[in-house]
Amino acid sequence: MGKIHDGNGWFIKVQANEHPPIHAHVLHPDGKATVTLDGEVVNTGVPRAVLAAARDWIVAHADIVEAEWLRMNNPRRR
């Protein structure tokens, strides 16, 4: 698991063996969400304030999310 950001009681990670589009997972004690690089929320189960903060971080740091996603999901490595 590639943890890329630690929020206040929540964090953002990128996982291996994933499917396009490039996305990150937001994990919170109350649930989880999936957010794409352009900020589209694919599914959610976290409080709205957490989702808003995580979404803003993912969009602002799309280069970091993309680099980690490509590193962990490089099809040539499989």
N, C-alpha and C. Protein backbone atom coordinates (compact mmCIF):
# COMPACT_ATOMS: atom_id res chain seq x y z
N MET A 1 0.84 -1.17 0.00
CA MET A 1 0.00 0.00 0.00
C MET A 1 0.88 1.23 0.00
N GLY A 2 0.59 2.21 -0.85
CA GLY A 2 1.35 3.43 -0.94
C GLY A 2 0.64 4.59 -0.28
N LYS A 3 0.90 4.80 1.00
CA LYS A 3 0.30 5.92 1.72
C LYS A 3 0.98 7.19 1.24
N ILE A 4 0.19 8.14 0.75
CA ILE A 4 0.77 9.34 0.17
C ILE A 4 0.41 10.62 0.93
N HIS A 5 -0.56 10.54 1.83
CA HIS A 5 -0.93 11.73 2.62
C HIS A 5 -1.59 11.30 3.91
N ASP A 6 -1.22 11.96 4.98
CA ASP A 6 -1.80 11.72 6.29
C ASP A 6 -2.60 12.95 6.69
N GLY A 7 -3.92 12.80 6.77
CA GLY A 7 -4.77 13.91 7.21
C GLY A 7 -4.95 13.86 8.71
N ASN A 8 -5.92 14.57 9.20
CA ASN A 8 -6.21 14.60 10.63
C ASN A 8 -7.22 13.48 10.94
N GLY A 9 -6.70 12.27 11.17
CA GLY A 9 -7.57 11.13 11.45
C GLY A 9 -7.98 10.36 10.21
N TRP A 10 -7.42 10.69 9.07
CA TRP A 10 -7.70 9.99 7.81
C TRP A 10 -6.43 10.02 6.98
N PHE A 11 -6.39 9.18 5.94
CA PHE A 11 -5.23 9.21 5.05
C PHE A 11 -5.62 8.82 3.63
N ILE A 12 -4.70 9.12 2.71
CA ILE A 12 -4.89 8.82 1.29
C ILE A 12 -3.84 7.81 0.90
N LYS A 13 -4.25 6.80 0.15
CA LYS A 13 -3.31 5.78 -0.31
C LYS A 13 -3.61 5.39 -1.75
N VAL A 14 -2.61 4.80 -2.37
CA VAL A 14 -2.73 4.22 -3.71
C VAL A 14 -2.42 2.74 -3.55
N GLN A 15 -3.19 1.90 -4.22
CA GLN A 15 -3.01 0.46 -4.11
C GLN A 15 -2.45 -0.13 -5.40
N ALA A 16 -1.82 -1.30 -5.27
CA ALA A 16 -1.32 -2.04 -6.43
C ALA A 16 -2.44 -2.87 -7.04
N ASN A 17 -2.20 -3.34 -8.26
CA ASN A 17 -3.15 -4.20 -8.98
C ASN A 17 -4.51 -3.53 -9.15
N GLU A 18 -4.49 -2.27 -9.50
CA GLU A 18 -5.72 -1.50 -9.67
C GLU A 18 -6.08 -1.34 -11.13
N HIS A 19 -7.25 -0.84 -11.36
CA HIS A 19 -7.84 -0.62 -12.67
C HIS A 19 -7.84 0.87 -12.97
N PRO A 20 -7.81 1.25 -14.26
CA PRO A 20 -7.99 2.66 -14.61
C PRO A 20 -9.43 3.08 -14.27
N PRO A 21 -9.69 4.36 -14.14
CA PRO A 21 -8.77 5.48 -14.24
C PRO A 21 -7.89 5.57 -12.99
N ILE A 22 -6.84 6.37 -13.12
CA ILE A 22 -5.95 6.58 -11.98
C ILE A 22 -6.76 7.22 -10.85
N HIS A 23 -6.62 6.66 -9.66
CA HIS A 23 -7.41 7.13 -8.52
C HIS A 23 -6.67 6.85 -7.22
N ALA A 24 -7.19 7.42 -6.15
CA ALA A 24 -6.65 7.19 -4.81
C ALA A 24 -7.79 6.81 -3.88
N HIS A 25 -7.42 6.19 -2.78
CA HIS A 25 -8.39 5.76 -1.78
C HIS A 25 -8.24 6.63 -0.54
N VAL A 26 -9.36 7.08 -0.02
CA VAL A 26 -9.39 7.86 1.20
C VAL A 26 -9.91 6.94 2.30
N LEU A 27 -9.14 6.79 3.36
CA LEU A 27 -9.54 5.93 4.46
C LEU A 27 -9.74 6.74 5.74
N HIS A 28 -10.86 6.49 6.39
CA HIS A 28 -11.27 7.18 7.60
C HIS A 28 -11.90 6.14 8.51
N PRO A 29 -11.87 6.30 9.82
CA PRO A 29 -12.48 5.31 10.70
C PRO A 29 -13.95 5.02 10.39
N ASP A 30 -14.66 6.00 9.82
CA ASP A 30 -16.08 5.81 9.50
C ASP A 30 -16.33 5.20 8.13
N GLY A 31 -15.29 5.03 7.31
CA GLY A 31 -15.49 4.47 5.98
C GLY A 31 -14.36 4.82 5.04
N LYS A 32 -14.62 4.64 3.75
CA LYS A 32 -13.61 4.92 2.74
C LYS A 32 -14.26 5.51 1.50
N ALA A 33 -13.44 6.12 0.65
CA ALA A 33 -13.91 6.72 -0.59
C ALA A 33 -12.85 6.52 -1.66
N THR A 34 -13.27 6.62 -2.91
CA THR A 34 -12.37 6.54 -4.05
C THR A 34 -12.53 7.83 -4.85
N VAL A 35 -11.39 8.47 -5.17
CA VAL A 35 -11.41 9.75 -5.87
C VAL A 35 -10.42 9.70 -7.03
N THR A 36 -10.87 10.13 -8.23
CA THR A 36 -10.00 10.16 -9.40
C THR A 36 -9.16 11.45 -9.39
N LEU A 37 -8.20 11.52 -10.31
CA LEU A 37 -7.31 12.69 -10.36
C LEU A 37 -8.03 13.99 -10.63
N ASP A 38 -9.14 13.94 -11.34
CA ASP A 38 -9.88 15.17 -11.63
C ASP A 38 -10.89 15.51 -10.54
N GLY A 39 -10.89 14.72 -9.45
CA GLY A 39 -11.76 15.02 -8.32
C GLY A 39 -13.09 14.31 -8.33
N GLU A 40 -13.32 13.47 -9.33
CA GLU A 40 -14.58 12.73 -9.37
C GLU A 40 -14.59 11.71 -8.23
N VAL A 41 -15.68 11.72 -7.48
CA VAL A 41 -15.83 10.77 -6.38
C VAL A 41 -16.58 9.56 -6.92
N VAL A 42 -15.87 8.43 -6.96
CA VAL A 42 -16.46 7.20 -7.50
C VAL A 42 -17.39 6.57 -6.48
N ASN A 43 -16.98 6.53 -5.25
CA ASN A 43 -17.85 6.08 -4.17
C ASN A 43 -17.38 6.73 -2.89
N THR A 44 -18.27 6.81 -1.93
CA THR A 44 -17.88 7.49 -0.69
C THR A 44 -18.54 6.85 0.52
N GLY A 45 -17.85 6.95 1.61
CA GLY A 45 -18.35 6.48 2.88
C GLY A 45 -17.67 7.23 4.01
N VAL A 46 -17.13 8.40 3.70
CA VAL A 46 -16.45 9.21 4.70
C VAL A 46 -17.24 10.50 4.93
N PRO A 47 -17.04 11.14 6.06
CA PRO A 47 -17.73 12.41 6.31
C PRO A 47 -17.44 13.44 5.21
N ARG A 48 -18.42 14.29 4.95
CA ARG A 48 -18.29 15.26 3.85
C ARG A 48 -17.08 16.17 3.99
N ALA A 49 -16.79 16.62 5.20
CA ALA A 49 -15.64 17.52 5.39
C ALA A 49 -14.33 16.81 5.07
N VAL A 50 -14.23 15.54 5.45
CA VAL A 50 -13.04 14.75 5.13
C VAL A 50 -12.93 14.55 3.63
N LEU A 51 -14.04 14.20 3.00
CA LEU A 51 -14.04 13.99 1.55
C LEU A 51 -13.62 15.27 0.82
N ALA A 52 -14.13 16.41 1.25
CA ALA A 52 -13.78 17.68 0.60
C ALA A 52 -12.28 17.96 0.74
N ALA A 53 -11.73 17.76 1.93
CA ALA A 53 -10.30 18.00 2.14
C ALA A 53 -9.45 17.02 1.33
N ALA A 54 -9.85 15.76 1.32
CA ALA A 54 -9.10 14.74 0.58
C ALA A 54 -9.17 15.00 -0.92
N ARG A 55 -10.36 15.33 -1.39
CA ARG A 55 -10.54 15.62 -2.82
C ARG A 55 -9.67 16.80 -3.24
N ASP A 56 -9.68 17.85 -2.45
CA ASP A 56 -8.85 19.02 -2.75
C ASP A 56 -7.37 18.64 -2.80
N TRP A 57 -6.92 17.80 -1.86
CA TRP A 57 -5.52 17.39 -1.83
C TRP A 57 -5.18 16.56 -3.06
N ILE A 58 -6.05 15.63 -3.42
CA ILE A 58 -5.80 14.76 -4.58
C ILE A 58 -5.71 15.58 -5.86
N VAL A 59 -6.62 16.51 -6.06
CA VAL A 59 -6.59 17.35 -7.26
C VAL A 59 -5.35 18.23 -7.27
N ALA A 60 -5.01 18.84 -6.14
CA ALA A 60 -3.84 19.72 -6.06
C ALA A 60 -2.52 18.97 -6.21
N HIS A 61 -2.52 17.70 -5.86
CA HIS A 61 -1.29 16.89 -5.91
C HIS A 61 -1.45 15.72 -6.89
N ALA A 62 -2.15 15.97 -7.97
CA ALA A 62 -2.41 14.91 -8.96
C ALA A 62 -1.11 14.30 -9.48
N ASP A 63 -0.05 15.10 -9.57
CA ASP A 63 1.23 14.57 -10.05
C ASP A 63 1.78 13.50 -9.10
N ILE A 64 1.64 13.70 -7.81
CA ILE A 64 2.10 12.72 -6.82
C ILE A 64 1.25 11.45 -6.89
N VAL A 65 -0.06 11.64 -6.96
CA VAL A 65 -0.98 10.49 -7.04
C VAL A 65 -0.69 9.68 -8.30
N GLU A 66 -0.55 10.37 -9.43
CA GLU A 66 -0.30 9.67 -10.69
C GLU A 66 1.03 8.92 -10.66
N ALA A 67 2.07 9.55 -10.16
CA ALA A 67 3.38 8.89 -10.12
C ALA A 67 3.34 7.64 -9.26
N GLU A 68 2.71 7.72 -8.10
CA GLU A 68 2.63 6.55 -7.21
C GLU A 68 1.75 5.46 -7.83
N TRP A 69 0.64 5.87 -8.45
CA TRP A 69 -0.26 4.89 -9.08
C TRP A 69 0.48 4.15 -10.21
N LEU A 70 1.21 4.90 -11.04
CA LEU A 70 1.95 4.28 -12.13
C LEU A 70 3.07 3.39 -11.61
N ARG A 71 3.73 3.82 -10.54
CA ARG A 71 4.79 3.00 -9.95
C ARG A 71 4.22 1.68 -9.45
N MET A 72 3.08 1.72 -8.82
CA MET A 72 2.50 0.52 -8.22
C MET A 72 1.70 -0.33 -9.20
N ASN A 73 1.33 0.25 -10.33
CA ASN A 73 0.47 -0.45 -11.28
C ASN A 73 1.08 -0.53 -12.67
N ASN A 74 2.40 -0.54 -12.75
CA ASN A 74 3.10 -0.63 -14.02
C ASN A 74 2.83 -2.00 -14.64
N PRO A 75 2.12 -2.04 -15.77
CA PRO A 75 1.78 -3.33 -16.38
C PRO A 75 3.00 -4.14 -16.81
N ARG A 76 4.12 -3.50 -17.06
CA ARG A 76 5.33 -4.24 -17.46
C ARG A 76 5.93 -5.02 -16.30
N ARG A 77 5.57 -4.67 -15.08
CA ARG A 77 6.11 -5.36 -13.91
C ARG A 77 5.32 -6.62 -13.57
N ARG A 78 4.18 -6.82 -14.20
CA ARG A 78 3.34 -7.97 -13.88
C ARG A 78 3.75 -9.19 -14.63
